[in-house]
């Protein structure tokens, strides 16, 4: 089974974007349409700890889905934005959002639009 998982595109994609926070981070960056500072991401993504945000951003950066830019200020300013590969995920992220909305409506739940600052 492990050889199959290593060659399966779905398993590979899930390795890159799976987990509780990665898609939420990518969705937040996609909705913002520009770079976001670490603190902006932390305020926008409800429930994520700074440690987890750092870990997930590093993983997304390693996967080349997110780019990080450091500015030589005191204290250092760091901005994150989608890379070219990350931007290519925007249609998929929009479809996941649409699917999630449909599922919520089907279950009688009221989807709340995400407010991004």
C-alpha atoms as a PDB file:
ATOM      1  CA  UNK A   1       0.000   0.000   0.000  1.00  0.00           C
ATOM      2  CA  UNK A   2       2.843   2.440   0.729  1.00  0.00           C
ATOM      3  CA  UNK A   3       4.140   2.238  -2.856  1.00  0.00           C
ATOM      4  CA  UNK A   4       0.638   3.068  -4.096  1.00  0.00           C
ATOM      5  CA  UNK A   5       0.385   6.041  -1.731  1.00  0.00           C
ATOM      6  CA  UNK A   6       3.740   7.387  -2.889  1.00  0.00           C
ATOM      7  CA  UNK A   7       2.555   7.342  -6.500  1.00  0.00           C
ATOM      8  CA  UNK A   8      -1.085   8.310  -5.983  1.00  0.00           C
ATOM      9  CA  UNK A   9      -1.683  11.995  -6.860  1.00  0.00           C
ATOM     10  CA  UNK A  10      -4.541  12.270  -4.349  1.00  0.00           C
ATOM     11  CA  UNK A  11      -2.378  10.969  -1.499  1.00  0.00           C
ATOM     12  CA  UNK A  12       0.406  13.301  -2.556  1.00  0.00           C
ATOM     13  CA  UNK A  13      -1.943  16.302  -2.602  1.00  0.00           C
ATOM     14  CA  UNK A  14      -3.351  15.387   0.806  1.00  0.00           C
ATOM     15  CA  UNK A  15       0.182  15.200   2.179  1.00  0.00           C
ATOM     16  CA  UNK A  16       0.745  18.766   0.952  1.00  0.00           C
ATOM     17  CA  UNK A  17      -2.520  20.394   2.036  1.00  0.00           C
ATOM     18  CA  UNK A  18      -4.112  17.975   4.504  1.00  0.00           C
ATOM     19  CA  UNK A  19      -4.653  18.579   8.175  1.00  0.00           C
ATOM     20  CA  UNK A  20      -6.780  20.920  10.195  1.00  0.00           C
ATOM     21  CA  UNK A  21      -5.195  24.253   9.264  1.00  0.00           C
ATOM     22  CA  UNK A  22      -3.445  24.199   5.885  1.00  0.00           C
ATOM     23  CA  UNK A  23      -6.533  24.712   3.723  1.00  0.00           C
ATOM     24  CA  UNK A  24      -7.793  27.374   6.107  1.00  0.00           C
ATOM     25  CA  UNK A  25      -4.489  29.246   5.777  1.00  0.00           C
ATOM     26  CA  UNK A  26      -4.527  28.874   1.994  1.00  0.00           C
ATOM     27  CA  UNK A  27      -8.170  30.014   1.860  1.00  0.00           C
ATOM     28  CA  UNK A  28      -7.384  33.047   4.009  1.00  0.00           C
ATOM     29  CA  UNK A  29      -4.460  34.044   1.794  1.00  0.00           C
ATOM     30  CA  UNK A  30      -6.531  33.422  -1.354  1.00  0.00           C
ATOM     31  CA  UNK A  31      -9.396  35.603  -0.095  1.00  0.00           C
ATOM     32  CA  UNK A  32      -7.049  38.408   0.907  1.00  0.00           C
ATOM     33  CA  UNK A  33      -5.548  38.674  -2.614  1.00  0.00           C
ATOM     34  CA  UNK A  34      -2.253  39.962  -1.318  1.00  0.00           C
ATOM     35  CA  UNK A  35       0.400  39.473   1.306  1.00  0.00           C
ATOM     36  CA  UNK A  36      -0.613  39.170   4.938  1.00  0.00           C
ATOM     37  CA  UNK A  37       1.494  39.657   8.009  1.00  0.00           C
ATOM     38  CA  UNK A  38       1.762  36.874  10.572  1.00  0.00           C
ATOM     39  CA  UNK A  39      -0.376  38.742  13.115  1.00  0.00           C
ATOM     40  CA  UNK A  40      -3.070  39.361  10.482  1.00  0.00           C
ATOM     41  CA  UNK A  41      -3.231  35.644   9.776  1.00  0.00           C
ATOM     42  CA  UNK A  42      -3.294  34.864  13.484  1.00  0.00           C
ATOM     43  CA  UNK A  43      -6.202  37.292  14.074  1.00  0.00           C
ATOM     44  CA  UNK A  44      -8.142  36.102  11.029  1.00  0.00           C
ATOM     45  CA  UNK A  45      -7.865  32.354  11.589  1.00  0.00           C
ATOM     46  CA  UNK A  46      -9.916  31.759  14.710  1.00  0.00           C
ATOM     47  CA  UNK A  47      -8.598  29.071  17.026  1.00  0.00           C
ATOM     48  CA  UNK A  48      -5.084  28.631  15.654  1.00  0.00           C
ATOM     49  CA  UNK A  49      -2.164  29.079  18.038  1.00  0.00           C
ATOM     50  CA  UNK A  50       0.935  31.037  17.006  1.00  0.00           C
ATOM     51  CA  UNK A  51       3.017  27.862  17.263  1.00  0.00           C
ATOM     52  CA  UNK A  52       0.659  25.911  14.997  1.00  0.00           C
ATOM     53  CA  UNK A  53       0.410  28.797  12.531  1.00  0.00           C
ATOM     54  CA  UNK A  54       4.207  28.921  12.321  1.00  0.00           C
ATOM     55  CA  UNK A  55       4.442  25.156  11.826  1.00  0.00           C
ATOM     56  CA  UNK A  56       1.774  25.084   9.114  1.00  0.00           C
ATOM     57  CA  UNK A  57       3.191  28.122   7.296  1.00  0.00           C
ATOM     58  CA  UNK A  58       6.617  26.452   7.240  1.00  0.00           C
ATOM     59  CA  UNK A  59       5.094  23.264   5.810  1.00  0.00           C
ATOM     60  CA  UNK A  60       3.228  25.259   3.141  1.00  0.00           C
ATOM     61  CA  UNK A  61       6.411  27.156   2.347  1.00  0.00           C
ATOM     62  CA  UNK A  62       8.336  23.862   2.046  1.00  0.00           C
ATOM     63  CA  UNK A  63       5.613  22.635  -0.326  1.00  0.00           C
ATOM     64  CA  UNK A  64       6.150  25.850  -2.338  1.00  0.00           C
ATOM     65  CA  UNK A  65       2.520  26.886  -1.932  1.00  0.00           C
ATOM     66  CA  UNK A  66       3.273  29.956   0.209  1.00  0.00           C
ATOM     67  CA  UNK A  67       6.066  32.515  -0.040  1.00  0.00           C
ATOM     68  CA  UNK A  68       7.520  34.344   2.933  1.00  0.00           C
ATOM     69  CA  UNK A  69       9.135  37.763   2.760  1.00  0.00           C
ATOM     70  CA  UNK A  70      11.132  39.167   5.664  1.00  0.00           C
ATOM     71  CA  UNK A  71      11.621  42.907   6.053  1.00  0.00           C
ATOM     72  CA  UNK A  72      14.622  44.293   7.932  1.00  0.00           C
ATOM     73  CA  UNK A  73      12.670  46.191  10.571  1.00  0.00           C
ATOM     74  CA  UNK A  74      12.779  46.108  14.354  1.00  0.00           C
ATOM     75  CA  UNK A  75      11.049  43.870  15.229  1.00  0.00           C
ATOM     76  CA  UNK A  76      11.295  41.977  11.922  1.00  0.00           C
ATOM     77  CA  UNK A  77       8.185  42.125   9.750  1.00  0.00           C
ATOM     78  CA  UNK A  78       7.208  38.946   7.917  1.00  0.00           C
ATOM     79  CA  UNK A  79       4.612  38.732   5.167  1.00  0.00           C
ATOM     80  CA  UNK A  80       3.100  35.643   3.574  1.00  0.00           C
ATOM     81  CA  UNK A  81       1.380  35.261   0.237  1.00  0.00           C
ATOM     82  CA  UNK A  82       0.416  32.483  -2.117  1.00  0.00           C
ATOM     83  CA  UNK A  83       3.139  31.369  -4.494  1.00  0.00           C
ATOM     84  CA  UNK A  84       2.397  30.716  -8.156  1.00  0.00           C
ATOM     85  CA  UNK A  85       1.535  27.114  -7.220  1.00  0.00           C
ATOM     86  CA  UNK A  86      -0.631  28.356  -4.364  1.00  0.00           C
ATOM     87  CA  UNK A  87      -2.508  30.736  -6.661  1.00  0.00           C
ATOM     88  CA  UNK A  88      -3.204  27.799  -8.985  1.00  0.00           C
ATOM     89  CA  UNK A  89      -5.227  26.275  -6.104  1.00  0.00           C
ATOM     90  CA  UNK A  90      -7.706  29.174  -5.912  1.00  0.00           C
ATOM     91  CA  UNK A  91     -10.346  27.517  -8.134  1.00  0.00           C
ATOM     92  CA  UNK A  92     -10.129  24.312  -6.085  1.00  0.00           C
ATOM     93  CA  UNK A  93     -10.384  26.252  -2.822  1.00  0.00           C
ATOM     94  CA  UNK A  94     -13.454  28.090  -4.171  1.00  0.00           C
ATOM     95  CA  UNK A  95     -15.062  24.760  -5.096  1.00  0.00           C
ATOM     96  CA  UNK A  96     -14.362  23.355  -1.615  1.00  0.00           C
ATOM     97  CA  UNK A  97     -15.977  26.461  -0.119  1.00  0.00           C
ATOM     98  CA  UNK A  98     -19.004  26.030  -2.397  1.00  0.00           C
ATOM     99  CA  UNK A  99     -19.264  22.341  -1.538  1.00  0.00           C
ATOM    100  CA  UNK A 100     -19.017  23.118   2.183  1.00  0.00           C
ATOM    101  CA  UNK A 101     -21.764  25.725   1.864  1.00  0.00           C
ATOM    102  CA  UNK A 102     -23.999  23.232   0.057  1.00  0.00           C
ATOM    103  CA  UNK A 103     -23.385  20.610   2.741  1.00  0.00           C
ATOM    104  CA  UNK A 104     -24.179  23.077   5.536  1.00  0.00           C
ATOM    105  CA  UNK A 105     -27.427  24.113   3.836  1.00  0.00           C
ATOM    106  CA  UNK A 106     -28.335  20.453   3.329  1.00  0.00           C
ATOM    107  CA  UNK A 107     -27.903  19.898   7.092  1.00  0.00           C
ATOM    108  CA  UNK A 108     -29.983  22.984   7.922  1.00  0.00           C
ATOM    109  CA  UNK A 109     -26.996  25.033   9.040  1.00  0.00           C
ATOM    110  CA  UNK A 110     -26.572  28.685   8.149  1.00  0.00           C
ATOM    111  CA  UNK A 111     -23.176  29.342   6.526  1.00  0.00           C
ATOM    112  CA  UNK A 112     -21.530  32.459   7.865  1.00  0.00           C
ATOM    113  CA  UNK A 113     -19.482  34.486   5.391  1.00  0.00           C
ATOM    114  CA  UNK A 114     -15.888  34.822   6.471  1.00  0.00           C
ATOM    115  CA  UNK A 115     -14.883  38.383   7.171  1.00  0.00           C
ATOM    116  CA  UNK A 116     -11.281  39.079   6.234  1.00  0.00           C
ATOM    117  CA  UNK A 117      -9.596  42.221   7.426  1.00  0.00           C
END
